[in-house]
Structure formats: structure tokens, C-alpha cells
Amino acid sequence: MREIEAQFEEAGVAVRFVVMAPPQEVARFCARFGEANRCVADPEKRTYEAMGLGRYNLLRLFTDPQLRERRAANRAAGFRQDWGATSLRNAARLPGAAFVDGSGTIRWLYRGAHPGDLPPMAQMLAAISERLPSIERRSDR
């Protein structure tokens, strides 16, 4: 995210992370990564339900080839899963990403196939740019 953060800002896109926990817990968790101001608490998981995100079969947690590949890439980049901060119930929830315009309309939606399945931020910006050409023009300046 940090590598292309300026492109999102220049395009007028505010990046937010929805976290399925109470506000105090979200603030504490996100502050660890310097992202407290971007995190939105959703303890009732309404966003998750609205986006139609599914559940992952936890029996595949260590055998899914795509997830294993993503985990290896994350480890190589210096990231790891913090199991102490992850409830097993939430680990079964599949991730997603969306671009919601100022009126609340979902313009782009990505539903992950495994717990590590989110597209790179550059791919997300490109997908958003396709749907709103004015963003692409602004980000090319």
C-alpha cells in the first residue's frame, strides 16, 4: 500500500480497512501497523455480509496450494500471521475489497477465494480507474 499511496490520494480515493472487532480493539490493532486512522470497526460484521463474502473451509488452511503460495510470498516479504490476534472464527471469513463511491454505490468488488486472497493495491487502483475514467486521468498527472 505504501508504495502507491500517493496515487490513491491523487486520485481522490480514501483507502479504509474494515476490521471485524469493537472500536477499542480495532484502534489498538491498527495502531500496531500505523493505520489507526484508516481502520473502521465493524463488530456486527455488516460490511462483510453486505459484500456477500463467504467462509473458508478451515480444513484447507494448511493444504490449499494458492494459500500456501501466498503465505510463502508474505513470509519472504517479512510478514507473518499473528495467530494471537486472530480468532479462529474470523480466520474462516474470506477477505474482500471494494470501491464505494461518495453516494455509497459499490463500483468495484473483489471476493477472495482464500484467507490471503486480495489483489495487489496497484491492481485495485487499475480496476477502479477502469470504472471511473476521471480517476485514471487524475492519477496520470
C-alpha atoms as a PDB file:
ATOM      1  CA  MET A   1       0.000   0.000   0.000  1.00  0.00           C
ATOM      2  CA  ARG A   2       2.660   2.483   0.978  1.00  0.00           C
ATOM      3  CA  GLU A   3       4.336   2.219  -2.445  1.00  0.00           C
ATOM      4  CA  ILE A   4       1.323   3.610  -4.322  1.00  0.00           C
ATOM      5  CA  GLU A   5      -0.428   5.516  -1.535  1.00  0.00           C
ATOM      6  CA  ALA A   6       0.228   8.832  -3.299  1.00  0.00           C
ATOM      7  CA  GLN A   7      -1.558   7.582  -6.435  1.00  0.00           C
ATOM      8  CA  PHE A   8      -4.688   6.745  -4.431  1.00  0.00           C
ATOM      9  CA  GLU A   9      -4.582  10.136  -2.717  1.00  0.00           C
ATOM     10  CA  GLU A  10      -4.031  11.979  -6.004  1.00  0.00           C
ATOM     11  CA  ALA A  11      -6.981  10.114  -7.500  1.00  0.00           C
ATOM     12  CA  GLY A  12      -9.144  11.190  -4.571  1.00  0.00           C
ATOM     13  CA  VAL A  13      -9.568   7.628  -3.273  1.00  0.00           C
ATOM     14  CA  ALA A  14      -9.603   7.213   0.515  1.00  0.00           C
ATOM     15  CA  VAL A  15      -8.388   3.734   1.490  1.00  0.00           C
ATOM     16  CA  ARG A  16     -10.070   2.231   4.554  1.00  0.00           C
ATOM     17  CA  PHE A  17      -9.756  -1.141   6.243  1.00  0.00           C
ATOM     18  CA  VAL A  18     -12.871  -2.662   7.780  1.00  0.00           C
ATOM     19  CA  VAL A  19     -11.999  -4.737  10.828  1.00  0.00           C
ATOM     20  CA  MET A  20     -14.475  -7.128  12.459  1.00  0.00           C
ATOM     21  CA  ALA A  21     -13.953  -6.093  16.079  1.00  0.00           C
ATOM     22  CA  PRO A  22     -15.087  -3.484  18.635  1.00  0.00           C
ATOM     23  CA  PRO A  23     -13.686   0.058  18.147  1.00  0.00           C
ATOM     24  CA  GLN A  24     -11.182  -0.095  21.031  1.00  0.00           C
ATOM     25  CA  GLU A  25      -9.747  -3.373  19.799  1.00  0.00           C
ATOM     26  CA  VAL A  26      -9.591  -2.088  16.205  1.00  0.00           C
ATOM     27  CA  ALA A  27      -7.772   1.079  17.257  1.00  0.00           C
ATOM     28  CA  ARG A  28      -5.207  -0.930  19.238  1.00  0.00           C
ATOM     29  CA  PHE A  29      -4.705  -3.498  16.448  1.00  0.00           C
ATOM     30  CA  CYS A  30      -4.410  -0.988  13.597  1.00  0.00           C
ATOM     31  CA  ALA A  31      -2.102   1.301  15.580  1.00  0.00           C
ATOM     32  CA  ARG A  32       0.452  -1.541  15.553  1.00  0.00           C
ATOM     33  CA  PHE A  33       0.723  -1.021  11.781  1.00  0.00           C
ATOM     34  CA  GLY A  34       0.441   2.774  11.770  1.00  0.00           C
ATOM     35  CA  GLU A  35      -3.003   2.585  10.171  1.00  0.00           C
ATOM     36  CA  ALA A  36      -5.311   3.520  13.078  1.00  0.00           C
ATOM     37  CA  ASN A  37      -6.796   6.451  11.140  1.00  0.00           C
ATOM     38  CA  ARG A  38      -7.759   4.173   8.215  1.00  0.00           C
ATOM     39  CA  CYS A  39      -9.469   1.397  10.164  1.00  0.00           C
ATOM     40  CA  VAL A  40     -13.215   1.184  10.577  1.00  0.00           C
ATOM     41  CA  ALA A  41     -14.691  -1.032  13.282  1.00  0.00           C
ATOM     42  CA  ASP A  42     -17.475  -3.388  12.229  1.00  0.00           C
ATOM     43  CA  PRO A  43     -18.140  -5.661  15.219  1.00  0.00           C
ATOM     44  CA  GLU A  44     -21.524  -6.748  13.818  1.00  0.00           C
ATOM     45  CA  LYS A  45     -19.850  -7.741  10.518  1.00  0.00           C
ATOM     46  CA  ARG A  46     -22.417  -5.811   8.469  1.00  0.00           C
ATOM     47  CA  THR A  47     -19.901  -4.865   5.784  1.00  0.00           C
ATOM     48  CA  TYR A  48     -18.849  -8.479   5.433  1.00  0.00           C
ATOM     49  CA  GLU A  49     -22.469  -9.566   4.995  1.00  0.00           C
ATOM     50  CA  ALA A  50     -23.299  -6.695   2.594  1.00  0.00           C
ATOM     51  CA  MET A  51     -20.393  -7.633   0.335  1.00  0.00           C
ATOM     52  CA  GLY A  52     -21.547 -11.257   0.245  1.00  0.00           C
ATOM     53  CA  LEU A  53     -18.181 -12.590   1.376  1.00  0.00           C
ATOM     54  CA  GLY A  54     -18.104 -16.297   2.056  1.00  0.00           C
ATOM     55  CA  ARG A  55     -16.430 -18.558   4.548  1.00  0.00           C
ATOM     56  CA  TYR A  56     -13.307 -20.606   4.051  1.00  0.00           C
ATOM     57  CA  ASN A  57     -13.103 -24.303   4.854  1.00  0.00           C
ATOM     58  CA  LEU A  58     -10.563 -24.262   7.701  1.00  0.00           C
ATOM     59  CA  LEU A  59      -9.658 -27.882   6.946  1.00  0.00           C
ATOM     60  CA  ARG A  60      -7.869 -26.462   3.875  1.00  0.00           C
ATOM     61  CA  LEU A  61      -5.923 -23.864   5.887  1.00  0.00           C
ATOM     62  CA  PHE A  62      -2.615 -25.734   5.509  1.00  0.00           C
ATOM     63  CA  THR A  63      -3.250 -27.640   2.271  1.00  0.00           C
ATOM     64  CA  ASP A  64      -4.662 -25.044  -0.175  1.00  0.00           C
ATOM     65  CA  PRO A  65      -1.876 -24.554  -2.786  1.00  0.00           C
ATOM     66  CA  GLN A  66      -2.842 -20.932  -3.547  1.00  0.00           C
ATOM     67  CA  LEU A  67      -2.900 -20.031   0.135  1.00  0.00           C
ATOM     68  CA  ARG A  68       0.430 -21.780   0.738  1.00  0.00           C
ATOM     69  CA  GLU A  69       1.970 -19.815  -2.155  1.00  0.00           C
ATOM     70  CA  ARG A  70       0.616 -16.527  -0.791  1.00  0.00           C
ATOM     71  CA  ARG A  71       1.844 -17.390   2.718  1.00  0.00           C
ATOM     72  CA  ALA A  72       5.355 -18.123   1.373  1.00  0.00           C
ATOM     73  CA  ALA A  73       5.429 -14.816  -0.528  1.00  0.00           C
ATOM     74  CA  ASN A  74       4.332 -12.946   2.589  1.00  0.00           C
ATOM     75  CA  ARG A  75       6.988 -14.654   4.718  1.00  0.00           C
ATOM     76  CA  ALA A  76       9.644 -13.765   2.124  1.00  0.00           C
ATOM     77  CA  ALA A  77       8.489 -10.125   2.336  1.00  0.00           C
ATOM     78  CA  GLY A  78       8.786 -10.214   6.127  1.00  0.00           C
ATOM     79  CA  PHE A  79       5.108 -10.619   7.037  1.00  0.00           C
ATOM     80  CA  ARG A  80       3.524 -13.341   9.132  1.00  0.00           C
ATOM     81  CA  GLN A  81       0.119 -14.274  10.509  1.00  0.00           C
ATOM     82  CA  ASP A  82      -0.401 -13.093  14.080  1.00  0.00           C
ATOM     83  CA  TRP A  83      -2.429 -16.003  15.416  1.00  0.00           C
ATOM     84  CA  GLY A  84      -2.596 -14.365  18.836  1.00  0.00           C
ATOM     85  CA  ALA A  85      -4.660 -11.549  17.312  1.00  0.00           C
ATOM     86  CA  THR A  86      -6.768 -13.798  15.069  1.00  0.00           C
ATOM     87  CA  SER A  87      -9.853 -15.564  16.293  1.00  0.00           C
ATOM     88  CA  LEU A  88     -10.427 -18.874  14.540  1.00  0.00           C
ATOM     89  CA  ARG A  89     -13.995 -17.806  13.805  1.00  0.00           C
ATOM     90  CA  ASN A  90     -12.722 -14.746  11.891  1.00  0.00           C
ATOM     91  CA  ALA A  91      -9.940 -16.710  10.176  1.00  0.00           C
ATOM     92  CA  ALA A  92     -12.689 -18.590   8.316  1.00  0.00           C
ATOM     93  CA  ARG A  93     -14.053 -15.379   6.808  1.00  0.00           C
ATOM     94  CA  LEU A  94     -12.858 -14.714   3.298  1.00  0.00           C
ATOM     95  CA  PRO A  95     -11.396 -11.279   2.535  1.00  0.00           C
ATOM     96  CA  GLY A  96     -12.737  -8.777   0.091  1.00  0.00           C
ATOM     97  CA  ALA A  97     -12.081  -5.345  -1.316  1.00  0.00           C
ATOM     98  CA  ALA A  98     -14.480  -2.783  -2.720  1.00  0.00           C
ATOM     99  CA  PHE A  99     -14.553   0.664  -4.214  1.00  0.00           C
ATOM    100  CA  VAL A 100     -17.542   2.564  -2.892  1.00  0.00           C
ATOM    101  CA  ASP A 101     -18.249   5.980  -4.381  1.00  0.00           C
ATOM    102  CA  GLY A 102     -19.355   9.052  -2.444  1.00  0.00           C
ATOM    103  CA  SER A 103     -23.024   8.134  -2.825  1.00  0.00           C
ATOM    104  CA  GLY A 104     -22.484   4.676  -1.312  1.00  0.00           C
ATOM    105  CA  THR A 105     -22.685   2.757  -4.599  1.00  0.00           C
ATOM    106  CA  ILE A 106     -20.306  -0.186  -4.924  1.00  0.00           C
ATOM    107  CA  ARG A 107     -18.395   0.424  -8.185  1.00  0.00           C
ATOM    108  CA  TRP A 108     -15.984  -2.499  -7.900  1.00  0.00           C
ATOM    109  CA  LEU A 109     -15.978  -5.594  -5.686  1.00  0.00           C
ATOM    110  CA  TYR A 110     -13.442  -8.360  -5.208  1.00  0.00           C
ATOM    111  CA  ARG A 111     -14.266 -11.502  -3.228  1.00  0.00           C
ATOM    112  CA  GLY A 112     -11.270 -13.528  -2.072  1.00  0.00           C
ATOM    113  CA  ALA A 113     -11.073 -17.298  -2.637  1.00  0.00           C
ATOM    114  CA  HIS A 114      -8.829 -17.981   0.399  1.00  0.00           C
ATOM    115  CA  PRO A 115      -7.811 -16.018   3.515  1.00  0.00           C
ATOM    116  CA  GLY A 116      -4.783 -14.456   1.795  1.00  0.00           C
ATOM    117  CA  ASP A 117      -6.547 -13.647  -1.478  1.00  0.00           C
ATOM    118  CA  LEU A 118      -6.551  -9.929  -2.083  1.00  0.00           C
ATOM    119  CA  PRO A 119      -5.260  -8.345  -5.272  1.00  0.00           C
ATOM    120  CA  PRO A 120      -2.238  -6.033  -5.112  1.00  0.00           C
ATOM    121  CA  MET A 121      -3.105  -2.395  -4.463  1.00  0.00           C
ATOM    122  CA  ALA A 122      -1.904  -1.425  -7.970  1.00  0.00           C
ATOM    123  CA  GLN A 123      -4.392  -3.890  -9.456  1.00  0.00           C
ATOM    124  CA  MET A 124      -7.157  -2.425  -7.297  1.00  0.00           C
ATOM    125  CA  LEU A 125      -6.329   1.106  -8.454  1.00  0.00           C
ATOM    126  CA  ALA A 126      -6.333  -0.065 -12.081  1.00  0.00           C
ATOM    127  CA  ALA A 127      -9.749  -1.714 -11.623  1.00  0.00           C
ATOM    128  CA  ILE A 128     -11.133   1.451 -10.057  1.00  0.00           C
ATOM    129  CA  SER A 129      -9.643   3.549 -12.866  1.00  0.00           C
ATOM    130  CA  GLU A 130     -11.432   1.411 -15.468  1.00  0.00           C
ATOM    131  CA  ARG A 131     -14.781   2.129 -13.851  1.00  0.00           C
ATOM    132  CA  LEU A 132     -14.195   5.832 -13.286  1.00  0.00           C
ATOM    133  CA  PRO A 133     -12.021   7.199 -16.096  1.00  0.00           C
ATOM    134  CA  SER A 134     -11.619  10.529 -14.307  1.00  0.00           C
ATOM    135  CA  ILE A 135      -9.503   8.749 -11.685  1.00  0.00           C
ATOM    136  CA  GLU A 136      -7.106   7.453 -14.326  1.00  0.00           C
ATOM    137  CA  ARG A 137      -6.676  10.933 -15.794  1.00  0.00           C
ATOM    138  CA  ARG A 138      -6.039  12.438 -12.358  1.00  0.00           C
ATOM    139  CA  SER A 139      -3.527   9.738 -11.358  1.00  0.00           C
ATOM    140  CA  ASP A 140      -1.500  10.133 -14.574  1.00  0.00           C
ATOM    141  CA  ARG A 141      -0.515  13.720 -13.763  1.00  0.00           C
END
